[in-house]
Amino acid sequence: MEPSVSGSSLDARAVKELRCIIVSLPLSLRVRSRVSRYAFIGLLGMLTVSAGGCASAGTFTWYQDIPKGPDWNTDNSEYVIGVGDSVSIRAYEQEGLSGSYKVRRDGRIALPLVGELVVAGKHPSQLGKEVEGLLKQYVVTPRVTVNVETSQPVTVTAIGEIKSIGALTLEPPARLIEAIAQAGGPGEFADKSRIFVLRRFPTFQRIRFTYDAIVHNEGGAANFPLRTGDVIVIE
């Protein structure tokens, strides 16, 4: 059975990356109690068998090189759509193109005519303009409104040399510094220059931070927006 994060199966590349990262951590950093260490040894055995070809596990992107989307803009108080939210999309006088949609775990919804569309990480007003642009080839002067009907908390997972390993639940907007604080911060033997966020959509990313950058909010590191399914790794 493949490992999962927050109840969702990881894609093949994400599984490989996660295996490589976990296997590369010293055992003393992965588990602390005797009971959890014995349980982890069994898991480690399964992961090690399939951890061949881990040369690519060292690849990453610095957070400064990640394009800043609407959810990273702390100056805008408009809600940011997240995984699990339900959104209402209404096209004026086009009932067949209107409806309510739940954002899937890959951050997408499927709209009539438009097809698959990434909506997680966007403001409702931004999404409305995007849908209007896509509908122009089918509808004359489309007018679209987007509302969030129900919202869900952000669930991420923390592993590695961090004081509290496991799932974290945060109210949106969820920020990296809040998650690390909730998990108790880096452990005694943590390499504070190697903090990563693993993200699955729209493509798999391994995003690197340093603890100093997060604490001092250098380049907006502290306010980096987390999304459901993200994995925080401190090596």
Protein backbone atom coordinates (compact mmCIF):
# COMPACT_ATOMS: atom_id res chain seq x y z
CA MET A 1 0.00 0.00 0.00
CA GLU A 2 1.37 3.41 -0.94
CA PRO A 3 1.99 5.99 1.81
CA SER A 4 -0.65 8.70 2.14
CA VAL A 5 -0.75 12.21 3.56
CA SER A 6 -3.84 13.60 5.24
CA GLY A 7 -5.93 10.70 3.96
CA SER A 8 -5.05 11.15 0.28
CA SER A 9 -2.86 8.87 -1.83
CA LEU A 10 0.25 10.56 -3.16
CA ASP A 11 1.11 10.43 -6.85
CA ALA A 12 4.04 8.26 -7.92
CA ARG A 13 6.62 11.03 -8.00
CA ALA A 14 5.54 12.41 -4.64
CA VAL A 15 5.74 8.94 -3.11
CA LYS A 16 9.27 8.51 -4.44
CA GLU A 17 10.39 11.90 -3.12
CA LEU A 18 8.83 11.26 0.29
CA ARG A 19 10.45 7.83 0.54
CA CYS A 20 13.85 9.26 -0.30
CA ILE A 21 13.55 12.07 2.23
CA ILE A 22 12.40 9.80 5.06
CA VAL A 23 15.05 7.18 4.34
CA SER A 24 17.76 9.85 4.29
CA LEU A 25 16.87 11.12 7.78
CA PRO A 26 18.78 9.66 10.75
CA LEU A 27 16.58 7.27 12.68
CA SER A 28 16.96 9.32 15.86
CA LEU A 29 15.42 12.30 14.07
CA ARG A 30 12.44 10.43 12.65
CA VAL A 31 11.05 8.90 15.83
CA ARG A 32 11.63 9.59 19.50
CA SER A 33 9.70 7.09 21.60
CA ARG A 34 10.69 3.42 21.79
CA VAL A 35 7.26 2.26 20.65
CA SER A 36 7.12 4.62 17.66
CA ARG A 37 10.72 3.67 16.77
CA TYR A 38 9.80 -0.03 16.49
CA ALA A 39 6.76 0.85 14.38
CA PHE A 40 8.84 3.11 12.19
CA ILE A 41 11.46 0.42 11.57
CA GLY A 42 8.78 -1.67 9.86
CA LEU A 43 7.72 1.26 7.71
CA LEU A 44 11.32 2.11 6.97
CA GLY A 45 11.93 -1.41 5.71
CA MET A 46 9.13 -1.06 3.16
CA LEU A 47 10.32 2.35 2.07
CA THR A 48 13.98 1.37 1.76
CA VAL A 49 13.17 -1.52 -0.57
CA SER A 50 11.58 0.90 -3.03
CA ALA A 51 13.91 3.85 -2.46
CA GLY A 52 16.24 3.04 -5.34
CA GLY A 53 16.95 5.87 -7.74
CA CYS A 54 16.83 8.58 -5.11
CA ALA A 55 19.38 10.79 -6.79
CA SER A 56 16.65 13.25 -7.74
CA ALA A 57 15.49 13.61 -4.13
CA GLY A 58 18.03 16.39 -3.61
CA THR A 59 16.38 18.68 -6.15
CA PHE A 60 14.45 21.65 -4.81
CA THR A 61 13.33 25.19 -5.58
CA TRP A 62 14.10 28.09 -3.25
CA TYR A 63 10.96 29.82 -2.03
CA GLN A 64 12.16 33.12 -3.52
CA ASP A 65 11.90 31.54 -6.96
CA ILE A 66 8.25 30.53 -6.54
CA PRO A 67 5.85 32.93 -8.30
CA LYS A 68 3.76 34.76 -5.70
CA GLY A 69 0.12 33.93 -6.28
CA PRO A 70 -2.90 35.70 -4.77
CA ASP A 71 -2.75 33.53 -1.63
CA TRP A 72 0.74 34.90 -0.86
CA ASN A 73 -0.49 38.50 -0.96
CA THR A 74 -1.01 39.58 2.65
CA ASP A 75 -2.28 43.00 1.52
CA ASN A 76 -5.46 41.51 0.09
CA SER A 77 -8.06 40.44 2.63
CA GLU A 78 -10.23 38.60 0.07
CA TYR A 79 -10.73 34.91 0.83
CA VAL A 80 -8.50 32.42 -0.95
CA ILE A 81 -10.16 29.26 -2.26
CA GLY A 82 -8.75 26.05 -0.81
CA VAL A 83 -8.98 22.29 -1.23
CA GLY A 84 -12.30 20.93 0.04
CA ASP A 85 -14.13 24.26 -0.29
CA SER A 86 -17.44 24.39 -2.11
CA VAL A 87 -17.77 27.24 -4.60
CA SER A 88 -20.80 28.55 -6.46
CA ILE A 89 -20.09 29.69 -10.02
CA ARG A 90 -22.93 31.54 -11.73
CA ALA A 91 -22.94 32.70 -15.34
CA TYR A 92 -25.61 35.38 -15.92
CA GLU A 93 -28.54 34.00 -17.95
CA GLN A 94 -26.61 30.75 -18.52
CA GLU A 95 -28.09 28.26 -16.09
CA GLY A 96 -26.48 25.35 -17.91
CA LEU A 97 -23.06 26.82 -17.15
CA SER A 98 -23.83 27.54 -13.51
CA GLY A 99 -23.50 25.28 -10.50
CA SER A 100 -21.83 24.45 -7.21
CA TYR A 101 -18.53 22.60 -7.16
CA LYS A 102 -16.34 21.07 -4.48
CA VAL A 103 -12.62 21.67 -4.93
CA ARG A 104 -10.90 18.31 -5.33
CA ARG A 105 -7.69 17.34 -3.56
CA ASP A 106 -5.72 18.26 -6.69
CA GLY A 107 -7.08 21.82 -6.40
CA ARG A 108 -9.27 21.52 -9.49
CA ILE A 109 -12.92 21.53 -10.48
CA ALA A 110 -14.55 20.54 -13.78
CA LEU A 111 -16.78 23.13 -15.48
CA PRO A 112 -19.12 22.69 -18.47
CA LEU A 113 -17.39 23.78 -21.71
CA VAL A 114 -14.33 25.00 -19.79
CA GLY A 115 -13.20 21.59 -18.53
CA GLU A 116 -10.60 21.08 -15.79
CA LEU A 117 -9.58 24.26 -14.00
CA VAL A 118 -7.20 24.88 -11.07
CA VAL A 119 -9.05 27.02 -8.52
CA ALA A 120 -7.20 26.42 -5.23
CA GLY A 121 -5.01 29.37 -4.29
CA LYS A 122 -7.15 31.93 -6.15
CA HIS A 123 -9.48 34.69 -5.00
CA PRO A 124 -13.15 34.30 -6.03
CA SER A 125 -13.00 37.56 -8.02
CA GLN A 126 -9.88 36.36 -9.85
CA LEU A 127 -11.53 33.01 -10.65
CA GLY A 128 -14.64 34.79 -11.93
CA LYS A 129 -12.61 36.86 -14.40
CA GLU A 130 -10.70 33.77 -15.51
CA VAL A 131 -13.92 31.83 -16.19
CA GLU A 132 -15.34 34.83 -18.09
CA GLY A 133 -12.29 34.82 -20.35
CA LEU A 134 -12.64 31.10 -21.03
CA LEU A 135 -16.37 31.40 -21.81
CA LYS A 136 -15.97 34.20 -24.36
CA GLN A 137 -15.58 31.70 -27.17
CA TYR A 138 -19.00 30.25 -26.32
CA VAL A 139 -21.00 33.15 -24.82
CA VAL A 140 -21.27 36.80 -25.88
CA THR A 141 -20.08 39.06 -23.05
CA PRO A 142 -20.28 36.48 -20.23
CA ARG A 143 -20.75 37.73 -16.68
CA VAL A 144 -19.62 35.35 -13.95
CA THR A 145 -19.82 35.58 -10.18
CA VAL A 146 -18.02 33.23 -7.80
CA ASN A 147 -18.92 32.73 -4.14
CA VAL A 148 -17.49 30.39 -1.52
CA GLU A 149 -20.39 28.44 -0.03
CA THR A 150 -18.46 26.39 2.52
CA SER A 151 -14.82 26.51 3.56
CA GLN A 152 -12.57 23.84 5.04
CA PRO A 153 -9.57 24.11 7.37
CA VAL A 154 -6.13 23.52 5.90
CA THR A 155 -4.58 20.17 6.86
CA VAL A 156 -0.84 19.61 6.43
CA THR A 157 1.66 17.09 7.79
CA ALA A 158 4.95 17.76 9.61
CA ILE A 159 7.77 15.18 9.62
CA GLY A 160 11.50 15.03 10.31
CA GLU A 161 13.35 16.88 13.06
CA ILE A 162 10.38 18.80 14.39
CA LYS A 163 9.05 18.59 17.93
CA SER A 164 5.55 17.41 17.06
CA ILE A 165 5.32 15.01 14.11
CA GLY A 166 1.94 14.45 12.49
CA ALA A 167 -1.07 16.20 11.02
CA LEU A 168 -1.69 19.90 11.66
CA THR A 169 -5.01 21.66 11.20
CA LEU A 170 -4.94 25.39 10.48
CA GLU A 171 -7.63 27.93 9.76
CA PRO A 172 -7.26 29.64 6.37
CA PRO A 173 -5.25 31.52 5.40
CA ALA A 174 -2.66 29.03 6.67
CA ARG A 175 0.91 30.33 6.87
CA LEU A 176 4.16 28.38 7.16
CA ILE A 177 5.27 30.12 10.35
CA GLU A 178 1.96 29.23 12.02
CA ALA A 179 2.34 25.55 11.15
CA ILE A 180 5.92 25.38 12.45
CA ALA A 181 4.89 27.15 15.64
CA GLN A 182 1.95 24.77 16.14
CA ALA A 183 4.32 21.82 15.71
CA GLY A 184 6.63 23.20 18.40
CA GLY A 185 9.42 24.39 16.11
CA PRO A 186 12.59 22.61 14.95
CA GLY A 187 13.98 19.83 17.13
CA GLU A 188 17.28 19.90 18.97
CA PHE A 189 19.26 18.35 16.11
CA ALA A 190 17.48 20.07 13.23
CA ASP A 191 19.41 21.52 10.31
CA LYS A 192 17.68 24.90 10.28
CA SER A 193 18.97 25.64 6.82
CA ARG A 194 17.04 22.70 5.36
CA ILE A 195 13.31 23.19 5.79
CA PHE A 196 11.13 22.00 2.91
CA VAL A 197 7.49 22.14 1.87
CA LEU A 198 6.42 19.31 -0.44
CA ARG A 199 3.52 20.31 -2.67
CA ARG A 200 1.64 18.08 -5.08
CA PHE A 201 -0.36 20.36 -7.35
CA PRO A 202 -0.48 21.65 -9.99
CA THR A 203 2.94 19.92 -10.29
CA PHE A 204 5.09 18.32 -7.61
CA GLN A 205 7.42 20.82 -5.91
CA ARG A 206 10.02 20.60 -3.16
CA ILE A 207 10.33 24.16 -1.84
CA ARG A 208 13.26 25.07 0.41
CA PHE A 209 13.40 27.57 3.27
CA THR A 210 15.75 28.44 6.10
CA TYR A 211 14.54 28.93 9.66
CA ASP A 212 16.10 32.39 9.85
CA ALA A 213 14.26 33.44 6.69
CA ILE A 214 10.97 32.23 8.17
CA VAL A 215 11.49 33.88 11.56
CA HIS A 216 12.51 37.20 9.98
CA ASN A 217 9.97 36.91 7.15
CA GLU A 218 12.65 37.43 4.53
CA GLY A 219 11.01 37.64 1.13
CA GLY A 220 7.67 36.72 2.70
CA ALA A 221 8.92 33.31 3.91
CA ALA A 222 6.88 33.44 7.13
CA ASN A 223 3.68 34.10 5.20
CA PHE A 224 4.22 31.35 2.64
CA PRO A 225 0.69 30.00 2.05
CA LEU A 226 0.12 26.35 2.89
CA ARG A 227 -2.49 24.20 1.19
CA THR A 228 -4.19 21.00 2.24
CA GLY A 229 -1.93 18.05 1.44
CA ASP A 230 1.35 19.95 1.89
CA VAL A 231 4.11 18.18 3.83
CA ILE A 232 6.59 20.15 5.96
CA VAL A 233 9.98 18.44 6.30
CA ILE A 234 12.74 19.65 8.63
CA GLU A 235 15.97 17.69 8.13
